[in-house]
Amino acid sequence: MKWQLTEPHHIDEQVLPIGTIIGDDTNWPYRATKADPKIGRKVGDALPPSTNMIPVDDEARQAYDKKFQGQVPEGDPTKSIPLTGAPDSPRVPGVAPQPKVTAPAAPNPAPKDDAPKTGIAAPNPGVNAKPPAGHDSSKNPGDSKDTETAKTPDVKKL
């Protein structure tokens, strides 16, 4: 059996170029070098053809027809990759769902402080600020927090 390569092949620890004739009566016999009992192959049995080989003789043609059931297999190794934008490529229905991207979390997040801010860190309410809850200016005139002091009349006004 003789075969002509239509693509580079790795045979006998070397890469053979396109157009090389391999098989019986050549420098590159295409026969088994080891026995493989799992599939029943013995040393010296002919190896099955690949999709990138063309049979050169009748014996190789019979093995080729048996392996590929009389069909010519596709020899282009990149043909099976569906590229939707290329001419004559198979059309893939719809667009694949895109994964959702989330922002990465901080590796060591700072602890949350729920205590009210006081001093310089306190928010400035400004001029139109509402009085705090529970504050009644008619009961508590002035800025004093002591209600007894706030209720006594001013001595200077009397």
N, C-alpha and C. Protein backbone atom coordinates (compact mmCIF):
# COMPACT_ATOMS: atom_id res chain seq x y z
N MET A 1 0.84 -1.17 0.00
CA MET A 1 0.00 0.00 0.00
C MET A 1 0.89 1.24 0.00
N LYS A 2 0.50 2.20 -0.85
CA LYS A 2 1.22 3.47 -0.91
C LYS A 2 0.22 4.61 -0.81
N TRP A 3 0.68 5.67 -0.11
CA TRP A 3 -0.16 6.84 0.10
C TRP A 3 0.60 8.10 -0.26
N GLN A 4 -0.10 9.11 -0.77
CA GLN A 4 0.49 10.42 -0.99
C GLN A 4 -0.12 11.38 0.03
N LEU A 5 0.73 12.16 0.69
CA LEU A 5 0.28 13.07 1.74
C LEU A 5 -0.24 14.38 1.14
N THR A 6 -1.40 14.83 1.60
CA THR A 6 -1.95 16.12 1.16
C THR A 6 -1.75 17.22 2.21
N GLU A 7 -1.26 16.85 3.37
CA GLU A 7 -0.91 17.78 4.45
C GLU A 7 0.35 17.23 5.12
N PRO A 8 1.14 18.06 5.78
CA PRO A 8 2.32 17.54 6.50
C PRO A 8 1.90 16.51 7.55
N HIS A 9 2.68 15.44 7.67
CA HIS A 9 2.40 14.37 8.63
C HIS A 9 3.63 14.10 9.50
N HIS A 10 3.38 13.73 10.75
CA HIS A 10 4.44 13.34 11.67
C HIS A 10 4.51 11.82 11.66
N ILE A 11 5.57 11.31 11.01
CA ILE A 11 5.75 9.86 10.88
C ILE A 11 7.21 9.54 11.17
N ASP A 12 7.45 8.51 11.96
CA ASP A 12 8.80 8.05 12.32
C ASP A 12 9.67 9.19 12.86
N GLU A 13 9.13 9.93 13.83
CA GLU A 13 9.86 10.98 14.54
C GLU A 13 10.31 12.13 13.64
N GLN A 14 9.61 12.34 12.53
CA GLN A 14 9.90 13.48 11.66
C GLN A 14 8.62 13.94 10.98
N VAL A 15 8.62 15.18 10.51
CA VAL A 15 7.46 15.73 9.82
C VAL A 15 7.73 15.65 8.33
N LEU A 16 6.86 14.92 7.62
CA LEU A 16 7.01 14.77 6.18
C LEU A 16 6.18 15.83 5.47
N PRO A 17 6.72 16.43 4.40
CA PRO A 17 6.01 17.51 3.72
C PRO A 17 4.88 17.00 2.83
N ILE A 18 4.08 17.95 2.35
CA ILE A 18 2.97 17.65 1.43
C ILE A 18 3.54 17.02 0.16
N GLY A 19 2.85 16.02 -0.37
CA GLY A 19 3.26 15.38 -1.62
C GLY A 19 4.16 14.17 -1.45
N THR A 20 4.62 13.89 -0.24
CA THR A 20 5.51 12.75 0.02
C THR A 20 4.73 11.45 -0.16
N ILE A 21 5.34 10.48 -0.82
CA ILE A 21 4.76 9.14 -0.98
C ILE A 21 5.29 8.29 0.17
N ILE A 22 4.35 7.69 0.93
CA ILE A 22 4.73 6.82 2.03
C ILE A 22 4.11 5.45 1.80
N GLY A 23 4.61 4.46 2.50
CA GLY A 23 4.05 3.12 2.43
C GLY A 23 5.10 2.11 2.00
N ASP A 24 4.64 0.99 1.42
CA ASP A 24 5.53 -0.11 1.02
C ASP A 24 6.50 0.37 -0.07
N ASP A 25 7.72 -0.13 -0.01
CA ASP A 25 8.80 0.16 -0.96
C ASP A 25 9.17 1.65 -0.97
N THR A 26 9.03 2.34 0.14
CA THR A 26 9.47 3.74 0.27
C THR A 26 10.35 3.85 1.52
N ASN A 27 10.90 5.02 1.74
CA ASN A 27 11.73 5.23 2.94
C ASN A 27 10.88 5.31 4.21
N TRP A 28 9.57 5.48 4.05
CA TRP A 28 8.68 5.63 5.20
C TRP A 28 7.55 4.60 5.12
N PRO A 29 7.80 3.36 5.58
CA PRO A 29 6.72 2.36 5.55
C PRO A 29 5.61 2.74 6.53
N TYR A 30 4.38 2.58 6.07
CA TYR A 30 3.23 2.94 6.89
C TYR A 30 2.65 1.67 7.49
N ARG A 31 3.41 1.07 8.41
CA ARG A 31 3.05 -0.18 9.06
C ARG A 31 3.22 -0.03 10.57
N ALA A 32 2.53 -0.87 11.32
CA ALA A 32 2.61 -0.83 12.79
C ALA A 32 3.97 -1.33 13.24
N THR A 33 4.58 -0.58 14.17
CA THR A 33 5.88 -0.98 14.72
C THR A 33 5.73 -1.69 16.06
N LYS A 34 4.51 -1.60 16.67
CA LYS A 34 4.24 -2.26 17.95
C LYS A 34 2.93 -3.01 17.83
N ALA A 35 2.82 -4.08 18.61
CA ALA A 35 1.56 -4.82 18.68
C ALA A 35 0.60 -4.08 19.58
N ASP A 36 -0.67 -4.06 19.20
CA ASP A 36 -1.71 -3.43 20.02
C ASP A 36 -2.83 -4.43 20.20
N PRO A 37 -2.80 -5.21 21.30
CA PRO A 37 -3.80 -6.26 21.48
C PRO A 37 -5.22 -5.73 21.70
N LYS A 38 -5.37 -4.47 22.13
CA LYS A 38 -6.71 -3.93 22.35
C LYS A 38 -7.52 -3.87 21.07
N ILE A 39 -6.86 -3.56 19.96
CA ILE A 39 -7.58 -3.48 18.68
C ILE A 39 -7.21 -4.62 17.74
N GLY A 40 -6.36 -5.55 18.21
CA GLY A 40 -6.01 -6.72 17.41
C GLY A 40 -4.98 -6.43 16.33
N ARG A 41 -4.13 -5.44 16.52
CA ARG A 41 -3.10 -5.11 15.54
C ARG A 41 -1.79 -5.77 15.93
N LYS A 42 -1.11 -6.34 14.93
CA LYS A 42 0.16 -7.00 15.14
C LYS A 42 1.27 -6.16 14.49
N VAL A 43 2.51 -6.44 14.86
CA VAL A 43 3.64 -5.75 14.26
C VAL A 43 3.65 -6.04 12.77
N GLY A 44 3.74 -4.99 11.95
CA GLY A 44 3.79 -5.15 10.50
C GLY A 44 2.44 -4.98 9.81
N ASP A 45 1.34 -4.90 10.57
CA ASP A 45 0.03 -4.67 9.95
C ASP A 45 -0.03 -3.25 9.37
N ALA A 46 -0.79 -3.11 8.30
CA ALA A 46 -0.95 -1.78 7.69
C ALA A 46 -1.76 -0.88 8.61
N LEU A 47 -1.34 0.37 8.71
CA LEU A 47 -2.05 1.35 9.54
C LEU A 47 -3.20 1.96 8.73
N PRO A 48 -4.27 2.37 9.40
CA PRO A 48 -5.40 2.96 8.68
C PRO A 48 -5.02 4.34 8.13
N PRO A 49 -5.62 4.74 7.02
CA PRO A 49 -5.28 6.03 6.43
C PRO A 49 -5.87 7.18 7.24
N SER A 50 -5.25 8.34 7.10
CA SER A 50 -5.80 9.55 7.71
C SER A 50 -6.59 10.30 6.64
N THR A 51 -7.27 11.35 7.06
CA THR A 51 -8.08 12.12 6.11
C THR A 51 -7.21 12.93 5.15
N ASN A 52 -5.93 13.06 5.43
CA ASN A 52 -5.03 13.84 4.58
C ASN A 52 -4.06 12.96 3.80
N MET A 53 -4.58 11.84 3.32
CA MET A 53 -3.82 10.92 2.48
C MET A 53 -4.65 10.56 1.26
N ILE A 54 -3.96 10.37 0.15
CA ILE A 54 -4.62 9.91 -1.09
C ILE A 54 -4.04 8.55 -1.43
N PRO A 55 -4.87 7.55 -1.72
CA PRO A 55 -4.32 6.24 -2.09
C PRO A 55 -3.62 6.30 -3.45
N VAL A 56 -2.50 5.59 -3.55
CA VAL A 56 -1.74 5.57 -4.80
C VAL A 56 -1.96 4.26 -5.56
N ASP A 57 -2.21 3.15 -4.86
CA ASP A 57 -2.41 1.87 -5.55
C ASP A 57 -3.77 1.28 -5.19
N ASP A 58 -4.11 0.13 -5.83
CA ASP A 58 -5.42 -0.49 -5.63
C ASP A 58 -5.62 -1.00 -4.20
N GLU A 59 -4.60 -1.56 -3.61
CA GLU A 59 -4.71 -2.06 -2.24
C GLU A 59 -5.00 -0.90 -1.28
N ALA A 60 -4.34 0.24 -1.48
CA ALA A 60 -4.58 1.41 -0.65
C ALA A 60 -5.99 1.96 -0.89
N ARG A 61 -6.47 1.90 -2.15
CA ARG A 61 -7.83 2.37 -2.46
C ARG A 61 -8.86 1.52 -1.72
N GLN A 62 -8.67 0.23 -1.63
CA GLN A 62 -9.61 -0.63 -0.90
C GLN A 62 -9.62 -0.29 0.60
N ALA A 63 -8.44 -0.10 1.18
CA ALA A 63 -8.36 0.26 2.59
C ALA A 63 -9.00 1.63 2.83
N TYR A 64 -8.81 2.56 1.89
CA TYR A 64 -9.38 3.90 2.00
C TYR A 64 -10.90 3.85 1.94
N ASP A 65 -11.46 3.06 0.99
CA ASP A 65 -12.90 2.92 0.87
C ASP A 65 -13.51 2.23 2.10
N LYS A 66 -12.80 1.26 2.64
CA LYS A 66 -13.29 0.57 3.83
C LYS A 66 -13.31 1.52 5.03
N LYS A 67 -12.27 2.32 5.19
CA LYS A 67 -12.18 3.24 6.33
C LYS A 67 -13.23 4.35 6.24
N PHE A 68 -13.43 4.93 5.06
CA PHE A 68 -14.32 6.10 4.93
C PHE A 68 -15.63 5.77 4.21
N GLN A 69 -16.00 4.51 4.08
CA GLN A 69 -17.25 4.04 3.48
C GLN A 69 -17.51 4.66 2.10
N GLY A 70 -16.47 4.75 1.28
CA GLY A 70 -16.62 5.25 -0.08
C GLY A 70 -16.76 6.76 -0.20
N GLN A 71 -16.78 7.49 0.90
CA GLN A 71 -16.90 8.95 0.87
C GLN A 71 -15.50 9.58 0.93
N VAL A 72 -15.39 10.75 0.33
CA VAL A 72 -14.14 11.50 0.42
C VAL A 72 -14.22 12.38 1.66
N PRO A 73 -13.37 12.13 2.65
CA PRO A 73 -13.45 12.91 3.89
C PRO A 73 -12.91 14.32 3.69
N GLU A 74 -13.35 15.21 4.55
CA GLU A 74 -12.85 16.58 4.54
C GLU A 74 -11.44 16.56 5.10
N GLY A 75 -10.47 17.08 4.36
CA GLY A 75 -9.08 17.04 4.78
C GLY A 75 -8.60 18.31 5.43
N ASP A 76 -9.37 19.39 5.36
CA ASP A 76 -8.95 20.65 5.95
C ASP A 76 -9.18 20.61 7.46
N PRO A 77 -8.10 20.66 8.28
CA PRO A 77 -8.29 20.55 9.72
C PRO A 77 -8.98 21.77 10.34
N THR A 78 -9.00 22.91 9.64
CA THR A 78 -9.67 24.09 10.19
C THR A 78 -11.09 24.24 9.69
N LYS A 79 -11.55 23.37 8.83
CA LYS A 79 -12.89 23.48 8.26
C LYS A 79 -13.97 23.30 9.32
N SER A 80 -13.74 22.53 10.35
CA SER A 80 -14.77 22.25 11.34
C SER A 80 -15.02 23.41 12.30
N ILE A 81 -14.18 24.43 12.26
CA ILE A 81 -14.36 25.58 13.14
C ILE A 81 -15.35 26.54 12.49
N PRO A 82 -16.55 26.73 13.07
CA PRO A 82 -17.52 27.63 12.44
C PRO A 82 -17.18 29.09 12.71
N LEU A 83 -16.80 29.78 11.66
CA LEU A 83 -16.53 31.21 11.73
C LEU A 83 -17.70 31.91 11.08
N THR A 84 -18.47 32.63 11.86
CA THR A 84 -19.73 33.18 11.34
C THR A 84 -19.51 34.32 10.37
N GLY A 85 -18.38 35.00 10.38
CA GLY A 85 -18.18 36.12 9.49
C GLY A 85 -17.49 35.76 8.19
N ALA A 86 -16.94 34.56 8.09
CA ALA A 86 -16.20 34.19 6.89
C ALA A 86 -17.16 33.79 5.77
N PRO A 87 -16.77 34.03 4.51
CA PRO A 87 -17.63 33.60 3.41
C PRO A 87 -17.70 32.07 3.36
N ASP A 88 -18.84 31.55 2.96
CA ASP A 88 -19.10 30.10 2.84
C ASP A 88 -18.94 29.37 4.18
N SER A 89 -19.10 30.04 5.28
CA SER A 89 -19.01 29.36 6.57
C SER A 89 -20.41 29.00 7.03
N PRO A 90 -20.54 27.97 7.85
CA PRO A 90 -21.86 27.62 8.36
C PRO A 90 -22.39 28.72 9.26
N ARG A 91 -23.66 28.98 9.15
CA ARG A 91 -24.27 30.03 9.94
C ARG A 91 -24.73 29.46 11.27
N VAL A 92 -24.33 30.10 12.33
CA VAL A 92 -24.72 29.68 13.66
C VAL A 92 -25.94 30.49 14.06
N PRO A 93 -27.06 29.84 14.42
CA PRO A 93 -28.26 30.61 14.77
C PRO A 93 -28.08 31.37 16.07
N GLY A 94 -28.38 32.66 16.00
CA GLY A 94 -28.37 33.49 17.20
C GLY A 94 -26.96 33.80 17.68
N VAL A 95 -26.89 34.60 18.67
CA VAL A 95 -25.62 34.99 19.27
C VAL A 95 -25.51 34.29 20.61
N ALA A 96 -24.33 33.80 20.88
CA ALA A 96 -24.11 33.11 22.16
C ALA A 96 -24.29 34.09 23.31
N PRO A 97 -24.87 33.65 24.43
CA PRO A 97 -25.03 34.56 25.58
C PRO A 97 -23.66 34.96 26.12
N GLN A 98 -23.54 36.23 26.42
CA GLN A 98 -22.29 36.76 26.95
C GLN A 98 -22.29 36.64 28.47
N PRO A 99 -21.18 36.26 29.05
CA PRO A 99 -21.14 36.17 30.51
C PRO A 99 -21.23 37.56 31.13
N LYS A 100 -21.86 37.64 32.29
CA LYS A 100 -22.00 38.92 32.98
C LYS A 100 -20.69 39.25 33.69
N VAL A 101 -20.26 40.48 33.51
CA VAL A 101 -19.02 40.94 34.11
C VAL A 101 -19.34 41.71 35.38
N THR A 102 -18.73 41.33 36.46
CA THR A 102 -18.93 42.04 37.72
C THR A 102 -17.61 42.66 38.14
N ALA A 103 -17.69 43.77 38.83
CA ALA A 103 -16.49 44.44 39.30
C ALA A 103 -15.84 43.58 40.39
N PRO A 104 -14.53 43.49 40.37
CA PRO A 104 -13.88 42.68 41.40
C PRO A 104 -14.03 43.32 42.78
N ALA A 105 -14.19 42.49 43.77
CA ALA A 105 -14.34 42.97 45.14
C ALA A 105 -12.96 43.28 45.72
N ALA A 106 -12.93 44.17 46.69
CA ALA A 106 -11.67 44.51 47.35
C ALA A 106 -11.16 43.30 48.12
N PRO A 107 -9.87 43.04 48.09
CA PRO A 107 -9.37 41.85 48.77
C PRO A 107 -9.55 41.92 50.28
N ASN A 108 -9.41 43.10 50.88
CA ASN A 108 -9.60 43.28 52.32
C ASN A 108 -10.49 44.50 52.53
N PRO A 109 -11.80 44.31 52.47
CA PRO A 109 -12.67 45.48 52.60
C PRO A 109 -12.58 46.07 54.01
N ALA A 110 -12.70 47.39 54.08
CA ALA A 110 -12.66 48.08 55.37
C ALA A 110 -13.94 47.79 56.13
N PRO A 111 -13.86 47.69 57.45
CA PRO A 111 -15.08 47.43 58.22
C PRO A 111 -16.01 48.63 58.14
N LYS A 112 -17.29 48.37 58.13
CA LYS A 112 -18.29 49.44 58.05
C LYS A 112 -18.53 49.99 59.45
N ASP A 113 -18.54 51.32 59.53
CA ASP A 113 -18.75 52.00 60.80
C ASP A 113 -20.12 52.66 60.74
N ASP A 114 -21.07 52.15 61.53
CA ASP A 114 -22.42 52.69 61.53
C ASP A 114 -22.62 53.75 62.62
N ALA A 115 -21.59 54.11 63.35
CA ALA A 115 -21.71 55.11 64.41
C ALA A 115 -21.93 56.49 63.78
N PRO A 116 -22.71 57.36 64.43
CA PRO A 116 -22.93 58.69 63.86
C PRO A 116 -21.63 59.49 63.86
N LYS A 117 -21.46 60.31 62.85
CA LYS A 117 -20.27 61.13 62.72
C LYS A 117 -20.40 62.35 63.63
N THR A 118 -19.34 62.65 64.36
CA THR A 118 -19.33 63.82 65.25
C THR A 118 -18.06 64.60 64.99
N GLY A 119 -18.02 65.84 65.50
CA GLY A 119 -16.83 66.66 65.35
C GLY A 119 -16.63 67.10 63.92
N ILE A 120 -15.40 67.10 63.46
CA ILE A 120 -15.08 67.54 62.09
C ILE A 120 -15.70 66.61 61.05
N ALA A 121 -15.79 65.32 61.36
CA ALA A 121 -16.34 64.35 60.42
C ALA A 121 -17.86 64.44 60.31
N ALA A 122 -18.51 65.24 61.18
CA ALA A 122 -19.97 65.34 61.17
C ALA A 122 -20.42 66.08 59.91
N PRO A 123 -21.54 65.67 59.34
CA PRO A 123 -22.03 66.38 58.18
C PRO A 123 -22.51 67.77 58.59
N ASN A 124 -22.29 68.76 57.75
CA ASN A 124 -22.70 70.14 58.01
C ASN A 124 -24.11 70.32 57.49
N PRO A 125 -25.12 70.51 58.38
CA PRO A 125 -26.50 70.59 57.91
C PRO A 125 -26.79 71.89 57.18
N GLY A 126 -26.02 72.92 57.38
CA GLY A 126 -26.24 74.17 56.67
C GLY A 126 -27.30 75.03 57.33
N VAL A 127 -27.73 76.09 56.64
CA VAL A 127 -28.65 77.08 57.18
C VAL A 127 -30.07 76.54 57.28
N ASN A 128 -30.50 75.79 56.34
CA ASN A 128 -31.89 75.29 56.28
C ASN A 128 -32.05 73.94 56.96
N ALA A 129 -31.26 73.67 57.96
CA ALA A 129 -31.32 72.38 58.61
C ALA A 129 -32.55 72.27 59.49
N LYS A 130 -33.09 71.08 59.56
CA LYS A 130 -34.23 70.83 60.44
C LYS A 130 -33.70 70.51 61.83
N PRO A 131 -34.43 70.90 62.87
CA PRO A 131 -33.97 70.58 64.23
C PRO A 131 -34.04 69.07 64.45
N PRO A 132 -33.24 68.55 65.35
CA PRO A 132 -33.25 67.11 65.60
C PRO A 132 -34.61 66.66 66.11
N ALA A 133 -34.90 65.39 65.94
CA ALA A 133 -36.18 64.84 66.38
C ALA A 133 -36.32 64.99 67.88
N GLY A 134 -37.52 65.36 68.34
CA GLY A 134 -37.78 65.54 69.76
C GLY A 134 -37.43 66.92 70.27
N HIS A 135 -36.95 67.80 69.42
CA HIS A 135 -36.57 69.16 69.84
C HIS A 135 -37.77 70.08 69.65
N ASP A 136 -38.12 70.80 70.67
CA ASP A 136 -39.22 71.77 70.60
C ASP A 136 -38.68 73.10 71.09
N SER A 137 -38.54 74.06 70.20
CA SER A 137 -37.93 75.34 70.56
C SER A 137 -38.80 76.16 71.51
N SER A 138 -40.14 75.92 71.54
CA SER A 138 -40.98 76.68 72.47
C SER A 138 -40.77 76.20 73.90
N LYS A 139 -40.49 74.93 74.09
CA LYS A 139 -40.23 74.40 75.43
C LYS A 139 -38.80 74.67 75.85
N ASN A 140 -37.91 74.70 74.90
CA ASN A 140 -36.50 74.83 75.20
C ASN A 140 -35.94 76.06 74.49
N PRO A 141 -36.21 77.27 74.96
CA PRO A 141 -35.64 78.42 74.29
C PRO A 141 -34.15 78.52 74.58
N GLY A 142 -33.42 79.02 73.61
CA GLY A 142 -31.98 79.19 73.79
C GLY A 142 -31.22 77.93 73.43
N ASP A 143 -29.92 78.02 73.63
CA ASP A 143 -29.05 76.92 73.24
C ASP A 143 -28.69 76.03 74.42
N SER A 144 -29.18 76.35 75.63
CA SER A 144 -28.80 75.59 76.80
C SER A 144 -29.47 74.23 76.79
N LYS A 145 -28.73 73.25 77.21
CA LYS A 145 -29.28 71.90 77.29
C LYS A 145 -29.94 71.68 78.65
N ASP A 146 -29.66 72.56 79.60
CA ASP A 146 -30.24 72.44 80.94
C ASP A 146 -31.61 73.12 80.92
N THR A 147 -32.68 72.37 81.06
CA THR A 147 -34.03 72.93 80.96
C THR A 147 -34.35 73.86 82.11
N GLU A 148 -33.79 73.67 83.30
CA GLU A 148 -34.04 74.56 84.43
C GLU A 148 -33.46 75.94 84.15
N THR A 149 -32.30 75.99 83.58
CA THR A 149 -31.68 77.27 83.26
C THR A 149 -32.45 77.97 82.16
N ALA A 150 -32.96 77.21 81.23
CA ALA A 150 -33.69 77.80 80.12
C ALA A 150 -35.02 78.39 80.57
N LYS A 151 -35.63 77.89 81.65
CA LYS A 151 -36.94 78.38 82.11
C LYS A 151 -36.81 79.65 82.97
N THR A 152 -35.70 79.88 83.58
CA THR A 152 -35.55 81.07 84.45
C THR A 152 -35.43 82.31 83.59
N PRO A 153 -36.04 83.39 84.03
CA PRO A 153 -35.99 84.62 83.26
C PRO A 153 -34.60 85.26 83.32
N ASP A 154 -34.32 86.02 82.32
CA ASP A 154 -33.03 86.69 82.25
C ASP A 154 -33.02 87.83 83.28
N VAL A 155 -32.01 87.90 84.11
CA VAL A 155 -31.94 88.85 85.21
C VAL A 155 -31.74 90.25 84.67
N LYS A 156 -31.04 90.42 83.61
CA LYS A 156 -30.74 91.74 83.09
C LYS A 156 -31.97 92.38 82.47
N LYS A 157 -32.91 91.61 82.00
CA LYS A 157 -34.11 92.16 81.38
C LYS A 157 -35.07 92.71 82.43
N LEU A 158 -35.01 92.36 83.70
CA LEU A 158 -35.96 92.77 84.72
C LEU A 158 -35.67 94.06 85.26
